[in-house]
Amino acid sequence: RIQEIIAKGYGRFETRHQRKDGQVLDIEISTVYQPDKEGGYFCAFLRDITEHKQTESKISFLAYHDHLTELPNRELFYDRLSHAISQARRKHERLALLFLDLDGFKAVNDSYGHEAGDMVLKMVAIRLQTCVRGVDTVARMGGDEFTIILSEVGKPADAANVAEKII
């Protein structure tokens, strides 16, 4: 980077720094190079952008995850499905796609209120995740509809076993 800054006369980059107390800071460094008779010198400005990076990360997460369950949303689901299909084709493997909705969910909202319905959806999300492997994707498509991408499925019975476990 130093040679690039010298060549251009300026530079800007980000880095992480760990303080003695263990706290990690994201730092933006803007620098200029000023040549002189003795070789030149750098003038750098450092700015703590930790809060900005955290906000950026949160916004990115919210863009691709359901706000209630924190599962991947429809957009991220389609991206992962496309990736899973490509990988299955490349490796000559199988994958399975499960669709589910909660029977009688409207009655929960109508009888007990939306807060109770939200709690049910959160619990369902947690339980679905415990039924699959880390390489699989559980997504909330909206309302009471969920999808599950089962990657690297050996035989159709494996997908059926996961479905039975979920039920």
C-alpha atoms as a PDB file:
ATOM      1  CA  ARG A   1       0.000   0.000   0.000  1.00  0.00           C
ATOM      2  CA  ILE A   2       2.826   2.379   0.726  1.00  0.00           C
ATOM      3  CA  GLN A   3       4.084   2.247  -2.867  1.00  0.00           C
ATOM      4  CA  GLU A   4       0.545   2.866  -4.123  1.00  0.00           C
ATOM      5  CA  ILE A   5       0.164   5.889  -1.830  1.00  0.00           C
ATOM      6  CA  ILE A   6       3.518   7.268  -2.950  1.00  0.00           C
ATOM      7  CA  ALA A   7       2.591   6.760  -6.619  1.00  0.00           C
ATOM      8  CA  LYS A   8      -0.850   8.369  -6.315  1.00  0.00           C
ATOM      9  CA  GLY A   9       0.056  10.871  -3.622  1.00  0.00           C
ATOM     10  CA  TYR A  10      -2.828   9.756  -1.382  1.00  0.00           C
ATOM     11  CA  GLY A  11      -4.662   6.703  -0.135  1.00  0.00           C
ATOM     12  CA  ARG A  12      -7.598   5.567   1.938  1.00  0.00           C
ATOM     13  CA  PHE A  13      -8.114   2.192   3.547  1.00  0.00           C
ATOM     14  CA  GLU A  14      -9.791   0.483   6.461  1.00  0.00           C
ATOM     15  CA  THR A  15      -8.274  -1.753   9.075  1.00  0.00           C
ATOM     16  CA  ARG A  16      -9.150  -3.359  12.386  1.00  0.00           C
ATOM     17  CA  HIS A  17      -7.300  -2.691  15.586  1.00  0.00           C
ATOM     18  CA  GLN A  18      -7.532  -4.503  18.898  1.00  0.00           C
ATOM     19  CA  ARG A  19      -7.021  -2.399  21.986  1.00  0.00           C
ATOM     20  CA  LYS A  20      -5.231  -3.684  25.079  1.00  0.00           C
ATOM     21  CA  ASP A  21      -8.593  -4.212  26.774  1.00  0.00           C
ATOM     22  CA  GLY A  22      -9.644  -6.537  23.919  1.00  0.00           C
ATOM     23  CA  GLN A  23     -12.107  -4.174  22.241  1.00  0.00           C
ATOM     24  CA  VAL A  24     -11.882  -4.295  18.442  1.00  0.00           C
ATOM     25  CA  LEU A  25     -12.110  -1.010  16.551  1.00  0.00           C
ATOM     26  CA  ASP A  26     -12.688  -0.461  12.859  1.00  0.00           C
ATOM     27  CA  ILE A  27     -10.407   2.340  11.697  1.00  0.00           C
ATOM     28  CA  GLU A  28     -10.436   4.359   8.484  1.00  0.00           C
ATOM     29  CA  ILE A  29      -7.028   5.718   7.514  1.00  0.00           C
ATOM     30  CA  SER A  30      -6.763   8.566   5.006  1.00  0.00           C
ATOM     31  CA  THR A  31      -3.236   9.539   4.122  1.00  0.00           C
ATOM     32  CA  VAL A  32      -1.366  11.824   1.780  1.00  0.00           C
ATOM     33  CA  TYR A  33       2.244  11.635   0.714  1.00  0.00           C
ATOM     34  CA  GLN A  34       4.247  14.798   0.352  1.00  0.00           C
ATOM     35  CA  PRO A  35       7.603  14.362  -1.389  1.00  0.00           C
ATOM     36  CA  ASP A  36      10.472  16.623  -0.355  1.00  0.00           C
ATOM     37  CA  LYS A  37      14.276  16.798  -0.740  1.00  0.00           C
ATOM     38  CA  GLU A  38      14.805  14.225   2.015  1.00  0.00           C
ATOM     39  CA  GLY A  39      12.463  11.609   0.532  1.00  0.00           C
ATOM     40  CA  GLY A  40       9.052  12.731   1.678  1.00  0.00           C
ATOM     41  CA  TYR A  41       6.625  12.253   4.517  1.00  0.00           C
ATOM     42  CA  PHE A  42       3.145  10.936   5.134  1.00  0.00           C
ATOM     43  CA  CYS A  43       0.312  12.746   6.839  1.00  0.00           C
ATOM     44  CA  ALA A  44      -2.419  10.402   8.048  1.00  0.00           C
ATOM     45  CA  PHE A  45      -5.862  10.929   9.540  1.00  0.00           C
ATOM     46  CA  LEU A  46      -7.405   8.113  11.544  1.00  0.00           C
ATOM     47  CA  ARG A  47     -11.120   7.873  12.199  1.00  0.00           C
ATOM     48  CA  ASP A  48     -12.985   5.357  14.360  1.00  0.00           C
ATOM     49  CA  ILE A  49     -15.700   3.894  12.113  1.00  0.00           C
ATOM     50  CA  THR A  50     -16.711   1.049  14.437  1.00  0.00           C
ATOM     51  CA  GLU A  51     -20.247   2.338  14.959  1.00  0.00           C
ATOM     52  CA  HIS A  52     -20.653   2.950  11.234  1.00  0.00           C
ATOM     53  CA  LYS A  53     -19.532  -0.619  10.435  1.00  0.00           C
ATOM     54  CA  GLN A  54     -21.909  -2.068  13.032  1.00  0.00           C
ATOM     55  CA  THR A  55     -24.809  -0.097  11.564  1.00  0.00           C
ATOM     56  CA  GLU A  56     -23.825  -1.169   8.050  1.00  0.00           C
ATOM     57  CA  SER A  57     -23.715  -4.795   9.165  1.00  0.00           C
ATOM     58  CA  LYS A  58     -27.135  -4.520  10.811  1.00  0.00           C
ATOM     59  CA  ILE A  59     -28.669  -2.964   7.702  1.00  0.00           C
ATOM     60  CA  SER A  60     -27.173  -5.711   5.544  1.00  0.00           C
ATOM     61  CA  PHE A  61     -28.548  -8.376   7.886  1.00  0.00           C
ATOM     62  CA  LEU A  62     -32.026  -6.825   7.869  1.00  0.00           C
ATOM     63  CA  ALA A  63     -32.027  -6.665   4.071  1.00  0.00           C
ATOM     64  CA  TYR A  64     -31.665 -10.443   3.772  1.00  0.00           C
ATOM     65  CA  HIS A  65     -33.319 -11.782   6.921  1.00  0.00           C
ATOM     66  CA  ASP A  66     -36.820 -11.836   8.302  1.00  0.00           C
ATOM     67  CA  HIS A  67     -37.054  -9.262  11.097  1.00  0.00           C
ATOM     68  CA  LEU A  68     -39.157 -11.491  13.357  1.00  0.00           C
ATOM     69  CA  THR A  69     -37.473 -14.911  13.116  1.00  0.00           C
ATOM     70  CA  GLU A  70     -34.048 -13.768  11.859  1.00  0.00           C
ATOM     71  CA  LEU A  71     -34.241 -16.550   9.268  1.00  0.00           C
ATOM     72  CA  PRO A  72     -33.193 -15.848   5.682  1.00  0.00           C
ATOM     73  CA  ASN A  73     -35.959 -13.976   3.855  1.00  0.00           C
ATOM     74  CA  ARG A  74     -37.375 -14.667   0.391  1.00  0.00           C
ATOM     75  CA  GLU A  75     -34.560 -12.831  -1.421  1.00  0.00           C
ATOM     76  CA  LEU A  76     -31.769 -14.674   0.405  1.00  0.00           C
ATOM     77  CA  PHE A  77     -33.677 -17.948   0.018  1.00  0.00           C
ATOM     78  CA  TYR A  78     -33.725 -17.605  -3.781  1.00  0.00           C
ATOM     79  CA  ASP A  79     -30.019 -16.781  -3.804  1.00  0.00           C
ATOM     80  CA  ARG A  80     -29.202 -19.826  -1.680  1.00  0.00           C
ATOM     81  CA  LEU A  81     -31.484 -22.048  -3.745  1.00  0.00           C
ATOM     82  CA  SER A  82     -29.748 -20.971  -6.934  1.00  0.00           C
ATOM     83  CA  HIS A  83     -26.367 -21.662  -5.335  1.00  0.00           C
ATOM     84  CA  ALA A  84     -27.530 -25.058  -4.015  1.00  0.00           C
ATOM     85  CA  ILE A  85     -28.833 -26.096  -7.452  1.00  0.00           C
ATOM     86  CA  SER A  86     -25.559 -25.067  -9.121  1.00  0.00           C
ATOM     87  CA  GLN A  87     -23.520 -26.942  -6.536  1.00  0.00           C
ATOM     88  CA  ALA A  88     -25.699 -30.060  -6.814  1.00  0.00           C
ATOM     89  CA  ARG A  89     -25.303 -30.065 -10.605  1.00  0.00           C
ATOM     90  CA  ARG A  90     -21.561 -29.538 -10.376  1.00  0.00           C
ATOM     91  CA  LYS A  91     -21.069 -32.317  -7.819  1.00  0.00           C
ATOM     92  CA  HIS A  92     -23.774 -34.596  -9.297  1.00  0.00           C
ATOM     93  CA  GLU A  93     -25.601 -34.620  -5.976  1.00  0.00           C
ATOM     94  CA  ARG A  94     -29.220 -34.369  -4.945  1.00  0.00           C
ATOM     95  CA  LEU A  95     -30.958 -31.675  -3.013  1.00  0.00           C
ATOM     96  CA  ALA A  96     -34.453 -31.445  -1.627  1.00  0.00           C
ATOM     97  CA  LEU A  97     -36.782 -28.523  -1.188  1.00  0.00           C
ATOM     98  CA  LEU A  98     -39.419 -28.614   1.534  1.00  0.00           C
ATOM     99  CA  PHE A  99     -42.350 -26.211   1.721  1.00  0.00           C
ATOM    100  CA  LEU A 100     -44.431 -25.895   4.853  1.00  0.00           C
ATOM    101  CA  ASP A 101     -47.081 -23.722   6.304  1.00  0.00           C
ATOM    102  CA  LEU A 102     -48.644 -23.863   9.726  1.00  0.00           C
ATOM    103  CA  ASP A 103     -52.151 -25.301   9.711  1.00  0.00           C
ATOM    104  CA  GLY A 104     -54.544 -23.282  11.836  1.00  0.00           C
ATOM    105  CA  PHE A 105     -52.128 -20.402  12.352  1.00  0.00           C
ATOM    106  CA  LYS A 106     -54.769 -17.757  11.580  1.00  0.00           C
ATOM    107  CA  ALA A 107     -56.793 -19.076  14.511  1.00  0.00           C
ATOM    108  CA  VAL A 108     -53.815 -18.463  16.841  1.00  0.00           C
ATOM    109  CA  ASN A 109     -53.617 -14.819  15.769  1.00  0.00           C
ATOM    110  CA  ASP A 110     -57.402 -14.398  15.934  1.00  0.00           C
ATOM    111  CA  SER A 111     -57.817 -16.075  19.337  1.00  0.00           C
ATOM    112  CA  TYR A 112     -54.666 -15.044  21.188  1.00  0.00           C
ATOM    113  CA  GLY A 113     -53.426 -11.975  19.318  1.00  0.00           C
ATOM    114  CA  HIS A 114     -50.505 -11.186  17.059  1.00  0.00           C
ATOM    115  CA  GLU A 115     -47.964 -11.226  19.891  1.00  0.00           C
ATOM    116  CA  ALA A 116     -48.811 -14.863  20.556  1.00  0.00           C
ATOM    117  CA  GLY A 117     -48.634 -15.556  16.823  1.00  0.00           C
ATOM    118  CA  ASP A 118     -45.200 -13.926  16.678  1.00  0.00           C
ATOM    119  CA  MET A 119     -44.018 -16.109  19.554  1.00  0.00           C
ATOM    120  CA  VAL A 120     -45.253 -19.211  17.716  1.00  0.00           C
ATOM    121  CA  LEU A 121     -43.387 -18.173  14.553  1.00  0.00           C
ATOM    122  CA  LYS A 122     -40.172 -17.606  16.512  1.00  0.00           C
ATOM    123  CA  MET A 123     -40.458 -21.004  18.183  1.00  0.00           C
ATOM    124  CA  VAL A 124     -41.178 -22.713  14.866  1.00  0.00           C
ATOM    125  CA  ALA A 125     -38.075 -21.065  13.371  1.00  0.00           C
ATOM    126  CA  ILE A 126     -35.912 -22.351  16.221  1.00  0.00           C
ATOM    127  CA  ARG A 127     -37.361 -25.844  16.035  1.00  0.00           C
ATOM    128  CA  LEU A 128     -36.971 -26.054  12.264  1.00  0.00           C
ATOM    129  CA  GLN A 129     -33.309 -25.102  12.557  1.00  0.00           C
ATOM    130  CA  THR A 130     -32.738 -27.914  15.065  1.00  0.00           C
ATOM    131  CA  CYS A 131     -34.117 -30.412  12.540  1.00  0.00           C
ATOM    132  CA  VAL A 132     -31.564 -29.650   9.815  1.00  0.00           C
ATOM    133  CA  ARG A 133     -27.806 -29.527   9.359  1.00  0.00           C
ATOM    134  CA  GLY A 134     -25.646 -26.431   9.134  1.00  0.00           C
ATOM    135  CA  VAL A 135     -25.362 -26.771   5.339  1.00  0.00           C
ATOM    136  CA  ASP A 136     -29.148 -26.601   4.965  1.00  0.00           C
ATOM    137  CA  THR A 137     -31.204 -23.413   4.776  1.00  0.00           C
ATOM    138  CA  VAL A 138     -34.420 -22.667   6.634  1.00  0.00           C
ATOM    139  CA  ALA A 139     -36.164 -19.535   5.360  1.00  0.00           C
ATOM    140  CA  ARG A 140     -39.351 -17.694   6.165  1.00  0.00           C
ATOM    141  CA  MET A 141     -41.172 -16.818   2.981  1.00  0.00           C
ATOM    142  CA  GLY A 142     -43.800 -14.745   4.751  1.00  0.00           C
ATOM    143  CA  GLY A 143     -46.750 -15.201   7.060  1.00  0.00           C
ATOM    144  CA  ASP A 144     -46.756 -18.797   8.256  1.00  0.00           C
ATOM    145  CA  GLU A 145     -44.851 -20.157   5.236  1.00  0.00           C
ATOM    146  CA  PHE A 146     -41.374 -21.631   5.526  1.00  0.00           C
ATOM    147  CA  THR A 147     -39.025 -23.360   3.082  1.00  0.00           C
ATOM    148  CA  ILE A 148     -36.085 -25.622   3.710  1.00  0.00           C
ATOM    149  CA  ILE A 149     -33.264 -26.383   1.288  1.00  0.00           C
ATOM    150  CA  LEU A 150     -31.658 -29.717   2.078  1.00  0.00           C
ATOM    151  CA  SER A 151     -28.255 -29.834   0.386  1.00  0.00           C
ATOM    152  CA  GLU A 152     -26.197 -32.932  -0.304  1.00  0.00           C
ATOM    153  CA  VAL A 153     -29.107 -35.361   0.010  1.00  0.00           C
ATOM    154  CA  GLY A 154     -27.897 -38.942  -0.422  1.00  0.00           C
ATOM    155  CA  LYS A 155     -31.227 -40.564  -1.252  1.00  0.00           C
ATOM    156  CA  PRO A 156     -34.872 -39.462  -1.302  1.00  0.00           C
ATOM    157  CA  ALA A 157     -35.515 -41.277   1.984  1.00  0.00           C
ATOM    158  CA  ASP A 158     -33.099 -38.849   3.700  1.00  0.00           C
ATOM    159  CA  ALA A 159     -35.348 -35.919   2.785  1.00  0.00           C
ATOM    160  CA  ALA A 160     -38.394 -37.892   3.908  1.00  0.00           C
ATOM    161  CA  ASN A 161     -36.711 -38.547   7.264  1.00  0.00           C
ATOM    162  CA  VAL A 162     -36.110 -34.815   7.784  1.00  0.00           C
ATOM    163  CA  ALA A 163     -39.737 -34.080   6.853  1.00  0.00           C
ATOM    164  CA  GLU A 164     -40.955 -36.662   9.373  1.00  0.00           C
ATOM    165  CA  LYS A 165     -38.670 -35.215  12.031  1.00  0.00           C
ATOM    166  CA  ILE A 166     -40.145 -31.774  11.383  1.00  0.00           C
ATOM    167  CA  ILE A 167     -43.731 -33.052  11.619  1.00  0.00           C
END
